[in-house]
């Protein structure tokens, strides 16, 4: 018999709502601790999901430490987690893209993250159907890093066949997808990595692999069209010098630029701060006749659907460094902070 309430929103004060097991941040720069959160509310366009697995990202540690609190202020206590795979258990009355029982994955939009928990409410536009070829853990490793690679190479750089792209940290979460996607787009791909991963990233599709421990990438590659920089600092400064005139360096580690401030709708004082933080980098880029663009990826279910097709067709494959059970979520985050992961770290919730 159909459940007459299956498509109705669950309110926070629903008498049958149960507390949600979650990992909470009580204040910035404090460790996350196991606890209970309120049952998520489900608005008209929202979807309630039982989380089966959650991806872990360096972004989680940066938000915990308050590095983005001027841009993304979270009121404590809050839950970290920017990737999920799970099953739809309830949908809002205006939801049209998914139904109860669907297997989905997502990167929830900023301000609504919190996948280190049993359940979460996500706007339907942030969701996509889980790739049929992937397990829940594999699917949870995908959204944030794959969307970052997509938005950098497809949306921002408009990477074309025959162009040359340098991808820093090819063995990292973003790098593993960026290499595969750039090859699919027909580009010549160079990447940097550590000695132990040289052969491995070559197998992902990189044409030129630079061992950063023994080689200086600036002496190896020249006249590139695109650089995807995940490091910032000196690496970004040197990256500008290996671009050909008209090339673009896309940075995901900063510094933020005025275009980003405008897109975020920030007030004048923060726009000024962004301009000052990136002034040196933008000036160096102008002098070289190249461009610098800061990318802070955004949620997009539509783009995830395209990524799903590439995964199920064998073009892209996830890379998981290690999985942790839910009760070891703090150890999973510490693993990511160690900075030596090969691909993604995932927490299995169910």
Protein backbone atom coordinates (compact mmCIF):
# COMPACT_ATOMS: atom_id res chain seq x y z
CA UNK A 1 0.00 0.00 0.00
CA UNK A 2 1.47 3.43 -0.94
CA UNK A 3 2.65 5.63 1.89
CA UNK A 4 0.51 8.81 1.73
CA UNK A 5 3.21 10.83 3.52
CA UNK A 6 6.14 9.73 1.37
CA UNK A 7 6.18 12.94 -0.66
CA UNK A 8 5.45 15.34 2.19
CA UNK A 9 8.13 17.38 3.94
CA UNK A 10 9.35 16.39 7.37
CA UNK A 11 9.37 19.34 9.76
CA UNK A 12 11.97 19.80 12.45
CA UNK A 13 9.31 19.43 15.14
CA UNK A 14 7.81 16.24 13.73
CA UNK A 15 7.02 14.22 16.85
CA UNK A 16 8.38 10.99 15.35
CA UNK A 17 11.67 12.53 14.18
CA UNK A 18 14.69 10.84 15.72
CA UNK A 19 18.03 12.46 16.53
CA UNK A 20 20.65 11.98 13.84
CA UNK A 21 24.03 10.59 14.75
CA UNK A 22 26.64 13.02 13.48
CA UNK A 23 30.09 14.46 14.08
CA UNK A 24 29.80 17.98 15.44
CA UNK A 25 32.14 20.95 15.51
CA UNK A 26 31.36 22.86 18.71
CA UNK A 27 33.60 25.81 17.80
CA UNK A 28 36.12 26.72 15.14
CA UNK A 29 39.54 25.06 15.46
CA UNK A 30 38.17 22.34 17.74
CA UNK A 31 38.09 18.63 16.82
CA UNK A 32 34.86 17.09 15.63
CA UNK A 33 33.14 14.91 18.20
CA UNK A 34 30.44 12.27 17.89
CA UNK A 35 27.04 13.52 18.96
CA UNK A 36 23.45 14.02 17.85
CA UNK A 37 21.92 16.56 15.49
CA UNK A 38 18.27 17.39 14.90
CA UNK A 39 16.38 15.63 12.13
CA UNK A 40 16.95 17.68 8.95
CA UNK A 41 14.05 19.81 7.71
CA UNK A 42 12.81 19.14 4.20
CA UNK A 43 11.61 22.12 2.19
CA UNK A 44 9.53 22.15 -0.97
CA UNK A 45 12.50 21.42 -3.28
CA UNK A 46 14.50 19.35 -0.79
CA UNK A 47 15.30 15.66 -0.61
CA UNK A 48 15.99 13.71 2.58
CA UNK A 49 18.76 11.17 2.14
CA UNK A 50 19.94 8.28 4.26
CA UNK A 51 23.71 8.63 3.86
CA UNK A 52 25.54 5.39 3.08
CA UNK A 53 28.99 6.90 2.51
CA UNK A 54 30.67 10.30 2.70
CA UNK A 55 33.80 11.60 1.02
CA UNK A 56 36.43 13.44 3.05
CA UNK A 57 38.18 16.54 1.69
CA UNK A 58 40.84 18.98 2.80
CA UNK A 59 38.07 21.59 2.58
CA UNK A 60 36.50 20.00 5.66
CA UNK A 61 39.63 20.70 7.72
CA UNK A 62 39.86 24.25 6.39
CA UNK A 63 36.24 25.00 7.32
CA UNK A 64 36.76 23.45 10.77
CA UNK A 65 39.74 25.77 11.29
CA UNK A 66 37.78 28.85 10.22
CA UNK A 67 39.76 29.58 7.06
CA UNK A 68 36.58 30.39 5.14
CA UNK A 69 34.41 31.81 7.91
CA UNK A 70 34.30 35.26 6.31
CA UNK A 71 32.88 33.69 3.14
CA UNK A 72 31.05 30.68 4.59
CA UNK A 73 30.11 31.36 8.19
CA UNK A 74 28.67 28.29 9.93
CA UNK A 75 26.92 28.66 13.25
CA UNK A 76 28.23 26.18 15.80
CA UNK A 77 27.54 23.42 16.38
CA UNK A 78 27.79 22.35 12.75
CA UNK A 79 28.57 19.18 10.81
CA UNK A 80 31.34 18.84 8.24
CA UNK A 81 31.20 16.77 5.05
CA UNK A 82 30.87 17.82 1.40
CA UNK A 83 30.28 14.50 -0.44
CA UNK A 84 27.62 11.84 -0.11
CA UNK A 85 26.07 8.78 -1.64
CA UNK A 86 22.85 7.37 -0.31
CA UNK A 87 19.16 6.58 -0.72
CA UNK A 88 16.25 9.02 -0.93
CA UNK A 89 13.79 8.52 1.93
CA UNK A 90 11.55 11.58 1.58
CA UNK A 91 11.00 14.35 -0.97
CA UNK A 92 9.47 17.80 -0.75
CA UNK A 93 6.16 18.45 -2.53
CA UNK A 94 7.79 20.36 -5.42
CA UNK A 95 10.56 17.83 -6.12
CA UNK A 96 10.47 16.40 -9.66
CA UNK A 97 13.96 15.00 -10.33
CA UNK A 98 14.12 12.11 -7.86
CA UNK A 99 11.79 9.81 -5.96
CA UNK A 100 11.82 7.86 -2.71
CA UNK A 101 14.11 4.84 -3.03
CA UNK A 102 16.44 6.36 -5.63
CA UNK A 103 20.17 5.93 -5.16
CA UNK A 104 21.82 9.33 -5.49
CA UNK A 105 25.05 11.16 -4.88
CA UNK A 106 25.80 14.84 -4.36
CA UNK A 107 27.98 17.67 -3.21
CA UNK A 108 25.48 19.70 -1.13
CA UNK A 109 25.61 23.43 -1.73
CA UNK A 110 27.55 25.76 0.55
CA UNK A 111 25.68 26.58 3.72
CA UNK A 112 23.98 23.18 3.70
CA UNK A 113 26.86 20.76 4.00
CA UNK A 114 27.05 18.12 6.72
CA UNK A 115 27.51 14.63 5.30
CA UNK A 116 29.37 13.25 8.33
CA UNK A 117 25.96 12.19 9.61
CA UNK A 118 23.29 9.56 9.14
CA UNK A 119 20.90 11.81 7.20
CA UNK A 120 20.91 15.12 5.37
CA UNK A 121 18.45 17.30 3.49
CA UNK A 122 19.72 18.42 0.08
CA UNK A 123 18.21 20.66 -2.61
CA UNK A 124 17.17 18.51 -5.55
CA UNK A 125 19.28 20.58 -7.98
CA UNK A 126 22.43 19.42 -6.18
CA UNK A 127 21.65 15.72 -6.69
CA UNK A 128 22.39 13.25 -9.44
CA UNK A 129 21.64 9.58 -9.95
CA UNK A 130 24.44 7.46 -8.53
CA UNK A 131 26.52 5.86 -11.30
CA UNK A 132 25.22 2.33 -11.69
CA UNK A 133 28.74 0.94 -11.99
CA UNK A 134 29.88 2.28 -8.61
CA UNK A 135 29.40 1.15 -5.04
CA UNK A 136 28.15 3.68 -2.50
CA UNK A 137 31.68 4.22 -1.19
CA UNK A 138 33.05 4.74 -4.69
CA UNK A 139 30.24 7.16 -5.56
CA UNK A 140 30.80 9.19 -2.39
CA UNK A 141 34.39 9.79 -3.45
CA UNK A 142 33.36 11.54 -6.64
CA UNK A 143 31.31 14.76 -6.34
CA UNK A 144 33.53 17.54 -4.97
CA UNK A 145 36.73 16.58 -6.78
CA UNK A 146 35.10 15.62 -10.08
CA UNK A 147 33.02 18.81 -10.11
CA UNK A 148 36.15 20.83 -9.39
CA UNK A 149 37.96 19.26 -12.34
CA UNK A 150 34.91 19.74 -14.59
CA UNK A 151 34.38 23.38 -13.65
CA UNK A 152 38.08 24.15 -14.08
CA UNK A 153 38.72 22.40 -17.39
CA UNK A 154 35.34 22.41 -19.15
CA UNK A 155 33.59 25.49 -17.80
CA UNK A 156 36.45 27.87 -16.99
CA UNK A 157 39.32 26.87 -19.34
CA UNK A 158 37.18 25.58 -22.23
CA UNK A 159 39.92 23.00 -22.82
CA UNK A 160 40.13 21.99 -26.47
CA UNK A 161 41.64 19.02 -28.33
CA UNK A 162 45.34 19.58 -28.99
CA UNK A 163 45.84 22.05 -26.15
CA UNK A 164 48.37 21.43 -23.39
CA UNK A 165 47.45 21.40 -19.69
CA UNK A 166 49.60 21.07 -16.57
CA UNK A 167 47.81 19.54 -13.58
CA UNK A 168 49.55 19.86 -10.25
CA UNK A 169 49.34 17.04 -7.67
CA UNK A 170 48.10 14.45 -10.13
CA UNK A 171 47.72 11.77 -7.48
CA UNK A 172 45.38 13.86 -5.32
CA UNK A 173 41.61 13.80 -5.36
CA UNK A 174 41.18 16.60 -7.91
CA UNK A 175 44.25 15.61 -9.91
CA UNK A 176 43.12 12.05 -10.57
CA UNK A 177 39.90 13.28 -12.21
CA UNK A 178 41.53 16.23 -13.95
CA UNK A 179 44.04 13.95 -15.70
CA UNK A 180 41.34 11.57 -16.92
CA UNK A 181 38.99 14.37 -17.99
CA UNK A 182 41.71 16.33 -19.81
CA UNK A 183 42.69 13.22 -21.77
CA UNK A 184 39.05 12.63 -22.66
CA UNK A 185 38.88 16.21 -23.96
CA UNK A 186 41.85 15.53 -26.23
CA UNK A 187 44.53 17.55 -24.46
CA UNK A 188 48.19 16.77 -23.88
CA UNK A 189 48.47 16.31 -20.12
CA UNK A 190 51.45 16.96 -17.89
CA UNK A 191 51.29 16.45 -14.14
CA UNK A 192 53.41 16.68 -11.03
CA UNK A 193 53.58 13.99 -8.37
CA UNK A 194 55.89 12.27 -5.91
CA UNK A 195 58.40 9.58 -6.85
CA UNK A 196 56.24 6.66 -5.70
CA UNK A 197 53.30 7.75 -7.88
CA UNK A 198 55.07 8.50 -11.17
CA UNK A 199 54.08 5.28 -12.93
CA UNK A 200 50.63 5.27 -11.37
CA UNK A 201 49.56 8.72 -12.65
CA UNK A 202 50.93 7.77 -16.04
CA UNK A 203 48.45 4.91 -16.04
CA UNK A 204 45.68 7.45 -15.41
CA UNK A 205 46.55 9.03 -18.76
CA UNK A 206 49.22 11.66 -18.11
CA UNK A 207 51.55 12.11 -21.09
CA UNK A 208 54.31 13.82 -19.09
CA UNK A 209 54.89 13.00 -15.43
CA UNK A 210 57.17 15.29 -13.44
CA UNK A 211 58.62 13.99 -10.16
CA UNK A 212 58.56 17.11 -8.01
CA UNK A 213 61.14 15.59 -5.68
CA UNK A 214 63.81 15.41 -8.37
CA UNK A 215 62.58 17.77 -11.12
CA UNK A 216 61.56 21.40 -11.44
CA UNK A 217 58.44 21.53 -13.60
CA UNK A 218 59.44 24.97 -14.85
CA UNK A 219 62.41 23.40 -16.66
CA UNK A 220 60.35 20.59 -18.18
CA UNK A 221 57.21 22.18 -19.63
CA UNK A 222 56.77 25.40 -21.63
CA UNK A 223 54.10 27.24 -23.63
CA UNK A 224 51.11 25.56 -22.02
CA UNK A 225 47.53 26.66 -22.53
CA UNK A 226 46.18 25.80 -19.08
CA UNK A 227 47.49 25.14 -15.59
CA UNK A 228 45.27 23.69 -12.87
CA UNK A 229 46.99 24.70 -9.64
CA UNK A 230 46.09 22.96 -6.40
CA UNK A 231 49.03 24.26 -4.38
CA UNK A 232 49.19 28.08 -4.49
CA UNK A 233 52.22 30.06 -3.32
CA UNK A 234 55.46 29.55 -5.24
CA UNK A 235 53.93 26.78 -7.34
CA UNK A 236 51.33 29.22 -8.68
CA UNK A 237 53.94 31.92 -9.31
CA UNK A 238 56.07 29.50 -11.35
CA UNK A 239 53.01 28.16 -13.15
CA UNK A 240 52.31 31.58 -14.64
CA UNK A 241 55.73 31.47 -16.26
CA UNK A 242 55.15 28.22 -18.17
CA UNK A 243 51.96 29.47 -19.84
CA UNK A 244 51.99 30.74 -23.39
CA UNK A 245 50.52 34.21 -24.10
CA UNK A 246 46.77 34.08 -23.60
CA UNK A 247 47.01 31.03 -21.35
CA UNK A 248 45.20 30.69 -18.05
CA UNK A 249 46.17 29.45 -14.60
CA UNK A 250 43.17 28.28 -12.58
CA UNK A 251 43.85 28.15 -8.86
CA UNK A 252 41.77 26.24 -6.33
CA UNK A 253 44.10 26.97 -3.39
CA UNK A 254 43.94 30.74 -3.79
CA UNK A 255 44.39 33.56 -3.65
CA UNK A 256 40.76 34.59 -4.31
CA UNK A 257 40.30 37.29 -6.94
CA UNK A 258 37.81 40.15 -7.61
CA UNK A 259 35.75 38.03 -10.02
CA UNK A 260 35.18 35.48 -7.27
CA UNK A 261 34.18 38.24 -4.84
CA UNK A 262 31.68 39.57 -7.40
CA UNK A 263 30.21 36.11 -8.06
CA UNK A 264 29.75 35.58 -4.33
CA UNK A 265 28.00 38.95 -3.98
CA UNK A 266 30.41 40.03 -1.26
CA UNK A 267 30.25 43.50 0.24
CA UNK A 268 32.80 46.15 -0.65
CA UNK A 269 35.20 45.57 2.28
CA UNK A 270 35.52 41.88 1.43
CA UNK A 271 35.79 42.63 -2.30
CA UNK A 272 38.66 44.94 -1.48
CA UNK A 273 40.35 42.25 0.60
CA UNK A 274 40.03 39.76 -2.26
CA UNK A 275 41.52 42.25 -4.68
CA UNK A 276 44.47 42.90 -2.39
CA UNK A 277 45.12 39.23 -1.71
CA UNK A 278 45.42 38.43 -5.41
CA UNK A 279 46.95 41.70 -6.60
CA UNK A 280 50.53 40.38 -6.82
CA UNK A 281 49.44 37.26 -8.69
CA UNK A 282 47.22 39.16 -11.12
CA UNK A 283 49.95 41.71 -11.78
CA UNK A 284 52.47 38.93 -12.53
CA UNK A 285 49.94 37.30 -14.88
CA UNK A 286 49.32 40.56 -16.77
CA UNK A 287 53.05 41.09 -17.23
CA UNK A 288 53.31 37.65 -18.82
CA UNK A 289 50.26 38.19 -21.02
CA UNK A 290 48.35 35.41 -19.26
CA UNK A 291 45.37 35.19 -16.92
CA UNK A 292 44.79 34.03 -13.37
CA UNK A 293 41.39 32.82 -12.20
CA UNK A 294 40.39 31.56 -8.75
CA UNK A 295 37.89 28.70 -8.65
CA UNK A 296 35.74 27.84 -5.64
CA UNK A 297 33.66 24.96 -6.92
CA UNK A 298 29.90 24.97 -6.56
CA UNK A 299 27.27 22.27 -6.30
CA UNK A 300 25.67 21.14 -9.58
CA UNK A 301 23.50 18.09 -10.01
CA UNK A 302 23.34 18.70 -13.77
CA UNK A 303 27.12 18.51 -14.11
CA UNK A 304 27.19 15.44 -11.88
CA UNK A 305 24.75 13.72 -14.26
CA UNK A 306 27.25 14.30 -17.11
CA UNK A 307 30.04 12.98 -14.91
CA UNK A 308 27.92 9.90 -14.15
CA UNK A 309 27.67 9.14 -17.85
CA UNK A 310 31.45 9.37 -18.23
CA UNK A 311 31.93 7.05 -15.25
CA UNK A 312 29.44 4.44 -16.44
CA UNK A 313 30.97 4.54 -19.93
CA UNK A 314 34.44 3.89 -18.51
CA UNK A 315 35.95 7.28 -19.34
CA UNK A 316 36.39 8.24 -15.67
CA UNK A 317 37.11 5.95 -12.75
CA UNK A 318 37.21 6.78 -9.06
CA UNK A 319 40.36 6.29 -7.03
CA UNK A 320 39.95 5.52 -3.32
CA UNK A 321 42.94 5.70 -1.02
CA UNK A 322 41.20 4.23 2.02
CA UNK A 323 37.79 3.78 3.63
CA UNK A 324 37.00 4.23 7.32
CA UNK A 325 33.93 3.16 9.30
CA UNK A 326 31.69 5.92 10.67
CA UNK A 327 33.06 5.61 14.19
CA UNK A 328 36.53 6.43 12.85
CA UNK A 329 35.55 9.63 11.04
CA UNK A 330 38.08 11.77 12.98
CA UNK A 331 40.87 9.42 11.89
CA UNK A 332 39.68 9.72 8.28
CA UNK A 333 39.93 13.50 8.42
CA UNK A 334 43.38 13.27 10.03
CA UNK A 335 44.46 10.98 7.19
CA UNK A 336 43.44 13.59 4.63
CA UNK A 337 45.22 16.32 6.57
CA UNK A 338 48.39 14.25 6.33
CA UNK A 339 48.49 15.24 2.67
CA UNK A 340 49.72 11.96 1.20
CA UNK A 341 46.53 10.42 -0.09
CA UNK A 342 46.27 8.70 -3.45
CA UNK A 343 42.79 9.65 -4.60
CA UNK A 344 40.04 10.03 -1.99
CA UNK A 345 39.34 8.97 1.58
CA UNK A 346 35.78 7.80 2.30
CA UNK A 347 33.72 7.20 5.43
CA UNK A 348 31.17 4.38 5.27
CA UNK A 349 28.09 5.33 7.27
CA UNK A 350 25.90 2.28 6.60
